[in-house]
Amino acid sequence: MATAKKKRAAKKAKKAAAARTRGLTAGQLTKGEPPAAVRALLDRIAGDGGTVIGAYRDPLGGKWQVLAALPIDAVRPTPFQRDLSEAHVAKLGDAIDKLDRFLDPIIAVPATEGEYWSPNGYHRLGAMTQLGARAIVAIVVPEPEVAHRILALNTEKAHNLRERALEVSRLAEALAGLDDRSERTYAEEFEEAALITLGLCYQENGRFSGGAYHPILKRCDQFLGSKLPAALVERRARAAKLLELNEHVNAAVSGLKAKGLESPYLKAFVVSRINHLRFVKEKHPDFDATIDRILGAARRFNPANVKADQVARTGGAPTEE
């Protein structure tokens, strides 16, 4: 146990690079001739009604990118990122309006003709649109595939499980139409296998209580070795099982309420009663075997056998519902 703790501590303690030893100097950022792909992007931006402010190499990796002003109507959010928060847009818009300056460029990648996707900047784009802006400043990255990787590092990353899961599942669906690499090769972009399955559940049922089942999935739902289109077929089958499980759990909660039991932890209580994984030492148990067993326990759950003091001892956070 002590050895395992030491290994985890060593993993967290990443050694800092020596000062001023990595990347380009300030004077090198605009040196050299941009490659053909970047020159083509400069022409495209001008042809789309935008203005190139400058092409430069990023200071860390030395990759070329473009600072540009784009017509605001030409910029769209990537179709796989989280839903817009109207409250956040209003707050951002108010701050930008008071300052009367837009100081935080969005990230954009070229998409279809005349259109650019923003994988990082959806709320800033929404705020500027709400304020009636005609243009927006963007750092335009030549490689469209960067949009997929940005999700793993996004500074506007989703704040709760539902938003994270929806974002990841939409990304998986978008990528499945582009190539057929295995799902496992996208582990960094997807962050966690369970998020794909949960996201598909949320797509079917916006009130799905993913938080109640997330700990179970983190143990038994791993990245698949099959090609992404085939993996999504398997993911949808897994989501269907979870949605069925959720229906039985909801029925059990209703039965407890009909019995006069009231608690914000009723769903957590039911899930804990039917979840056998707390007695299983296996690190990554099989998904189907695990969920089928839990589903069977949910079908057999009898609210009449539950006593009030058992619910009273339940801990944990209430589910999203």
Protein backbone atom coordinates (compact mmCIF):
# COMPACT_ATOMS: atom_id res chain seq x y z
CA MET A 1 0.00 0.00 0.00
CA ALA A 2 2.80 2.41 0.92
CA THR A 3 4.57 1.62 -2.36
CA ALA A 4 1.40 2.38 -4.35
CA LYS A 5 1.03 5.73 -2.58
CA LYS A 6 4.63 6.62 -3.34
CA LYS A 7 4.11 5.80 -7.03
CA ARG A 8 1.01 8.03 -7.19
CA ALA A 9 2.87 10.87 -5.48
CA ALA A 10 5.80 10.49 -7.90
CA LYS A 11 3.42 10.61 -10.85
CA LYS A 12 1.87 13.88 -9.65
CA ALA A 13 5.22 15.55 -8.98
CA LYS A 14 6.13 16.42 -12.58
CA LYS A 15 9.54 17.97 -12.81
CA ALA A 16 9.45 21.57 -14.00
CA ALA A 17 11.49 22.45 -17.08
CA ALA A 18 14.53 24.64 -16.59
CA ALA A 19 13.69 28.30 -17.06
CA ARG A 20 13.90 29.67 -20.62
CA THR A 21 15.03 26.40 -22.22
CA ARG A 22 12.03 25.41 -24.34
CA GLY A 23 10.38 26.77 -27.48
CA LEU A 24 11.13 29.86 -29.53
CA THR A 25 12.37 33.28 -28.55
CA ALA A 26 10.05 36.24 -29.05
CA GLY A 27 12.06 37.31 -32.07
CA GLN A 28 11.66 33.92 -33.77
CA LEU A 29 7.85 33.78 -33.80
CA THR A 30 7.46 35.55 -37.14
CA LYS A 31 10.71 34.42 -38.74
CA GLY A 32 10.64 32.16 -41.78
CA GLU A 33 8.21 31.49 -44.58
CA PRO A 34 4.84 29.95 -43.63
CA PRO A 35 4.25 26.50 -45.20
CA ALA A 36 1.90 26.06 -48.14
CA ALA A 37 -1.06 25.03 -45.95
CA VAL A 38 -0.78 28.24 -43.94
CA ARG A 39 -0.41 30.40 -47.06
CA ALA A 40 -3.57 28.76 -48.42
CA LEU A 41 -5.33 29.55 -45.14
CA LEU A 42 -4.31 33.22 -45.42
CA ASP A 43 -5.88 33.37 -48.89
CA ARG A 44 -8.99 31.58 -47.67
CA ILE A 45 -9.51 33.98 -44.76
CA ALA A 46 -9.27 36.97 -47.12
CA GLY A 47 -11.65 35.29 -49.58
CA ASP A 48 -14.16 34.65 -46.78
CA GLY A 49 -14.31 38.34 -45.92
CA GLY A 50 -11.87 38.20 -43.03
CA THR A 51 -8.67 40.09 -42.39
CA VAL A 52 -5.34 38.48 -41.57
CA ILE A 53 -3.66 40.33 -38.71
CA GLY A 54 -0.58 38.15 -38.82
CA ALA A 55 0.84 34.64 -39.22
CA TYR A 56 3.20 33.41 -36.54
CA ARG A 57 4.61 30.31 -34.88
CA ASP A 58 3.38 29.45 -31.42
CA PRO A 59 6.08 30.03 -28.80
CA LEU A 60 6.09 26.50 -27.38
CA GLY A 61 5.87 24.01 -30.25
CA GLY A 62 6.75 26.35 -33.11
CA LYS A 63 3.65 25.43 -35.14
CA TRP A 64 2.25 28.04 -37.52
CA GLN A 65 -1.12 29.66 -36.82
CA VAL A 66 -2.93 32.82 -37.85
CA LEU A 67 -4.34 35.74 -35.90
CA ALA A 68 -7.31 37.03 -37.88
CA ALA A 69 -10.53 39.00 -37.75
CA LEU A 70 -13.40 36.84 -39.02
CA PRO A 71 -16.95 37.82 -39.96
CA ILE A 72 -18.94 36.70 -36.94
CA ASP A 73 -21.55 34.98 -39.11
CA ALA A 74 -18.82 32.72 -40.53
CA VAL A 75 -17.97 31.21 -37.13
CA ARG A 76 -19.87 28.29 -35.63
CA PRO A 77 -19.24 26.17 -32.53
CA THR A 78 -18.08 22.63 -33.19
CA PRO A 79 -21.16 20.39 -33.36
CA PHE A 80 -19.87 18.14 -30.58
CA GLN A 81 -19.22 20.54 -27.73
CA ARG A 82 -21.39 21.23 -24.72
CA ASP A 83 -24.62 23.24 -24.89
CA LEU A 84 -24.52 26.99 -24.50
CA SER A 85 -25.19 28.42 -21.04
CA GLU A 86 -27.39 31.48 -21.53
CA ALA A 87 -26.51 32.73 -18.04
CA HIS A 88 -22.78 32.54 -18.80
CA VAL A 89 -23.28 34.28 -22.15
CA ALA A 90 -25.19 37.12 -20.45
CA LYS A 91 -22.49 37.51 -17.80
CA LEU A 92 -19.70 37.53 -20.39
CA GLY A 93 -21.60 39.94 -22.62
CA ASP A 94 -22.11 42.34 -19.73
CA ALA A 95 -18.39 42.25 -18.86
CA ILE A 96 -17.30 42.79 -22.47
CA ASP A 97 -19.83 45.58 -22.93
CA LYS A 98 -18.69 47.42 -19.81
CA LEU A 99 -15.05 47.22 -20.88
CA ASP A 100 -16.01 48.04 -24.49
CA ARG A 101 -13.17 45.78 -25.65
CA PHE A 102 -12.89 42.16 -26.81
CA LEU A 103 -9.56 40.99 -25.37
CA ASP A 104 -9.75 37.18 -25.45
CA PRO A 105 -9.58 35.77 -29.02
CA ILE A 106 -11.44 32.55 -29.70
CA ILE A 107 -9.82 29.50 -31.30
CA ALA A 108 -11.04 28.58 -34.79
CA VAL A 109 -10.30 25.92 -37.39
CA PRO A 110 -11.32 25.91 -41.08
CA ALA A 111 -14.45 23.85 -41.69
CA THR A 112 -16.66 23.81 -44.78
CA GLU A 113 -16.27 26.52 -47.41
CA GLY A 114 -16.80 29.96 -45.88
CA GLU A 115 -17.19 28.56 -42.39
CA TYR A 116 -14.97 28.16 -39.34
CA TRP A 117 -15.51 26.02 -36.27
CA SER A 118 -14.61 27.22 -32.79
CA PRO A 119 -13.74 24.41 -30.35
CA ASN A 120 -12.81 26.94 -27.67
CA GLY A 121 -14.82 30.14 -27.47
CA TYR A 122 -18.49 29.21 -27.81
CA HIS A 123 -19.61 31.48 -24.96
CA ARG A 124 -17.41 34.37 -26.08
CA LEU A 125 -18.84 33.96 -29.58
CA GLY A 126 -22.36 33.94 -28.12
CA ALA A 127 -21.65 37.06 -26.07
CA MET A 128 -20.27 38.97 -29.06
CA THR A 129 -23.23 37.89 -31.19
CA GLN A 130 -25.61 39.04 -28.46
CA LEU A 131 -23.85 42.40 -28.35
CA GLY A 132 -24.37 42.84 -32.09
CA ALA A 133 -20.69 42.55 -33.11
CA ARG A 134 -19.97 42.18 -36.81
CA ALA A 135 -16.54 40.54 -36.47
CA ILE A 136 -14.56 38.54 -33.95
CA VAL A 137 -10.83 38.05 -33.45
CA ALA A 138 -9.63 34.45 -33.62
CA ILE A 139 -6.48 32.40 -33.52
CA VAL A 140 -7.03 30.25 -36.59
CA VAL A 141 -5.28 26.88 -36.49
CA PRO A 142 -4.65 25.35 -39.94
CA GLU A 143 -5.24 21.72 -38.90
CA PRO A 144 -8.98 20.93 -38.40
CA GLU A 145 -8.13 17.83 -36.34
CA VAL A 146 -6.79 20.12 -33.61
CA ALA A 147 -10.44 20.85 -32.76
CA HIS A 148 -10.81 17.28 -31.50
CA ARG A 149 -7.73 17.44 -29.30
CA ILE A 150 -8.64 20.81 -27.82
CA LEU A 151 -11.61 19.22 -26.04
CA ALA A 152 -9.21 17.39 -23.75
CA LEU A 153 -7.56 20.69 -22.79
CA ASN A 154 -10.46 23.09 -23.29
CA THR A 155 -10.44 26.14 -21.02
CA GLU A 156 -14.21 26.24 -21.44
CA LYS A 157 -14.51 22.61 -20.47
CA ALA A 158 -17.91 21.41 -19.34
CA HIS A 159 -18.50 21.86 -15.61
CA ASN A 160 -20.70 18.90 -14.77
CA LEU A 161 -21.04 15.25 -15.70
CA ARG A 162 -24.00 15.70 -18.04
CA GLU A 163 -22.26 18.40 -20.09
CA ARG A 164 -18.96 16.51 -20.19
CA ALA A 165 -20.68 13.29 -21.27
CA LEU A 166 -22.76 14.96 -23.98
CA GLU A 167 -19.68 16.69 -25.36
CA VAL A 168 -17.66 13.48 -25.52
CA SER A 169 -20.46 11.39 -27.07
CA ARG A 170 -21.07 14.03 -29.74
CA LEU A 171 -17.35 14.10 -30.49
CA ALA A 172 -17.32 10.30 -30.85
CA GLU A 173 -20.22 10.47 -33.32
CA ALA A 174 -18.51 13.23 -35.33
CA LEU A 175 -15.20 11.35 -35.48
CA ALA A 176 -16.92 8.10 -36.50
CA GLY A 177 -17.91 9.81 -39.75
CA LEU A 178 -14.34 10.90 -40.47
CA ASP A 179 -12.27 7.74 -40.02
CA ASP A 180 -12.47 4.23 -38.65
CA ARG A 181 -9.62 4.11 -36.18
CA SER A 182 -10.28 2.16 -33.01
CA GLU A 183 -12.05 3.85 -30.12
CA ARG A 184 -9.03 3.15 -27.93
CA THR A 185 -6.81 5.41 -30.06
CA TYR A 186 -9.00 8.37 -29.03
CA ALA A 187 -8.55 7.81 -25.30
CA GLU A 188 -6.93 11.21 -24.79
CA GLU A 189 -9.67 13.08 -26.65
CA PHE A 190 -12.51 11.18 -24.95
CA GLU A 191 -10.88 11.35 -21.48
CA GLU A 192 -12.93 8.49 -20.04
CA ALA A 193 -14.76 5.57 -21.69
CA ALA A 194 -17.78 5.88 -19.40
CA LEU A 195 -18.44 9.41 -20.67
CA ILE A 196 -19.31 8.11 -24.16
CA THR A 197 -21.88 5.67 -22.80
CA LEU A 198 -23.35 8.22 -20.39
CA GLY A 199 -23.51 10.86 -23.12
CA LEU A 200 -25.58 8.54 -25.33
CA CYS A 201 -27.91 8.00 -22.35
CA TYR A 202 -28.30 11.75 -21.90
CA GLN A 203 -29.05 12.13 -25.60
CA GLU A 204 -32.00 9.76 -25.16
CA ASN A 205 -33.10 11.11 -21.77
CA GLY A 206 -32.07 14.58 -20.67
CA ARG A 207 -33.10 13.76 -17.09
CA PHE A 208 -31.01 10.62 -16.90
CA SER A 209 -29.23 10.36 -13.54
CA GLY A 210 -25.73 9.66 -14.79
CA GLY A 211 -24.13 10.53 -11.47
CA ALA A 212 -25.80 7.54 -9.82
CA TYR A 213 -24.19 5.09 -12.24
CA HIS A 214 -20.90 6.83 -13.02
CA PRO A 215 -18.92 5.07 -10.24
CA ILE A 216 -20.10 1.70 -11.56
CA LEU A 217 -19.15 2.54 -15.15
CA LYS A 218 -15.73 3.84 -14.13
CA ARG A 219 -14.91 0.28 -13.06
CA CYS A 220 -16.52 -1.81 -15.80
CA ASP A 221 -16.73 0.43 -18.89
CA GLN A 222 -13.36 0.52 -20.69
CA PHE A 223 -12.27 1.82 -24.09
CA LEU A 224 -13.05 -0.63 -26.89
CA GLY A 225 -10.55 -2.02 -29.38
CA SER A 226 -13.07 -2.06 -32.23
CA LYS A 227 -13.21 0.62 -34.91
CA LEU A 228 -15.07 3.73 -33.84
CA PRO A 229 -18.26 3.19 -35.93
CA ALA A 230 -18.59 -0.36 -34.59
CA ALA A 231 -17.71 0.79 -31.08
CA LEU A 232 -20.59 3.28 -31.19
CA VAL A 233 -23.00 0.46 -32.00
CA GLU A 234 -21.75 -1.33 -28.87
CA ARG A 235 -21.95 1.91 -26.87
CA ARG A 236 -25.61 2.40 -27.85
CA ALA A 237 -26.40 -1.14 -26.72
CA ARG A 238 -24.71 -0.39 -23.39
CA ALA A 239 -26.63 2.88 -23.10
CA ALA A 240 -29.91 1.00 -23.69
CA LYS A 241 -29.12 -1.28 -20.74
CA LEU A 242 -28.37 1.69 -18.52
CA LEU A 243 -31.58 3.43 -19.52
CA GLU A 244 -33.54 0.28 -18.68
CA LEU A 245 -31.71 0.05 -15.34
CA ASN A 246 -32.58 3.68 -14.64
CA GLU A 247 -36.27 2.96 -15.24
CA HIS A 248 -36.25 0.13 -12.70
CA VAL A 249 -34.36 2.29 -10.19
CA ASN A 250 -36.89 5.12 -10.68
CA ALA A 251 -39.71 2.64 -10.08
CA ALA A 252 -38.04 1.50 -6.85
CA VAL A 253 -37.65 5.13 -5.72
CA SER A 254 -41.34 5.74 -6.45
CA GLY A 255 -42.18 2.67 -4.37
CA LEU A 256 -40.16 3.99 -1.44
CA LYS A 257 -41.88 7.37 -1.68
CA ALA A 258 -45.28 5.68 -1.78
CA LYS A 259 -44.27 3.97 1.44
CA GLY A 260 -43.79 7.41 3.02
CA LEU A 261 -39.99 7.54 2.81
CA GLU A 262 -38.60 10.93 1.78
CA SER A 263 -34.91 11.67 1.22
CA PRO A 264 -32.78 13.37 -1.46
CA TYR A 265 -30.65 10.20 -1.33
CA LEU A 266 -33.32 7.66 -2.30
CA LYS A 267 -31.83 6.94 -5.71
CA ALA A 268 -28.33 6.64 -4.26
CA PHE A 269 -29.77 4.26 -1.65
CA VAL A 270 -31.41 2.03 -4.25
CA VAL A 271 -28.30 1.93 -6.45
CA SER A 272 -26.09 1.06 -3.48
CA ARG A 273 -28.44 -1.80 -2.52
CA ILE A 274 -28.36 -3.37 -6.00
CA ASN A 275 -24.68 -2.71 -6.73
CA HIS A 276 -22.59 -5.81 -5.97
CA LEU A 277 -19.29 -4.26 -7.10
CA ARG A 278 -18.38 -3.22 -3.58
CA PHE A 279 -17.76 -6.95 -2.92
CA VAL A 280 -15.81 -7.51 -6.17
CA LYS A 281 -12.02 -7.18 -6.08
CA GLU A 282 -11.55 -7.48 -9.86
CA LYS A 283 -10.26 -4.15 -11.17
CA HIS A 284 -12.10 -4.10 -14.51
CA PRO A 285 -15.07 -6.51 -14.44
CA ASP A 286 -16.93 -7.26 -17.65
CA PHE A 287 -19.50 -4.59 -18.55
CA ASP A 288 -22.36 -6.84 -19.68
CA ALA A 289 -21.98 -9.30 -16.81
CA THR A 290 -21.85 -6.44 -14.31
CA ILE A 291 -24.82 -4.47 -15.61
CA ASP A 292 -26.92 -7.60 -16.22
CA ARG A 293 -26.45 -8.63 -12.60
CA ILE A 294 -27.29 -5.15 -11.30
CA LEU A 295 -30.28 -4.98 -13.64
CA GLY A 296 -31.55 -8.29 -12.26
CA ALA A 297 -31.21 -6.95 -8.71
CA ALA A 298 -33.12 -3.81 -9.72
CA ARG A 299 -35.98 -5.87 -11.11
CA ARG A 300 -36.19 -7.82 -7.85
CA PHE A 301 -35.94 -4.77 -5.57
CA ASN A 302 -38.86 -4.71 -3.13
CA PRO A 303 -39.56 -1.39 -1.34
CA ALA A 304 -41.57 -3.29 1.29
CA ASN A 305 -38.35 -4.78 2.63
CA VAL A 306 -36.76 -1.39 3.28
CA LYS A 307 -36.90 0.20 6.72
CA ALA A 308 -36.83 3.94 7.35
CA ASP A 309 -33.64 3.81 9.42
CA GLN A 310 -31.80 2.15 6.52
CA VAL A 311 -32.53 5.13 4.28
CA ALA A 312 -31.63 7.54 7.07
CA ARG A 313 -28.12 6.07 7.19
CA THR A 314 -27.57 6.66 3.46
CA GLY A 315 -24.82 9.15 2.65
CA GLY A 316 -23.48 10.67 -0.54
CA ALA A 317 -24.72 13.46 -2.72
CA PRO A 318 -28.23 13.60 -4.18
CA THR A 319 -28.48 12.75 -7.88
CA GLU A 320 -28.81 15.47 -10.53
CA GLU A 321 -32.58 14.95 -10.70
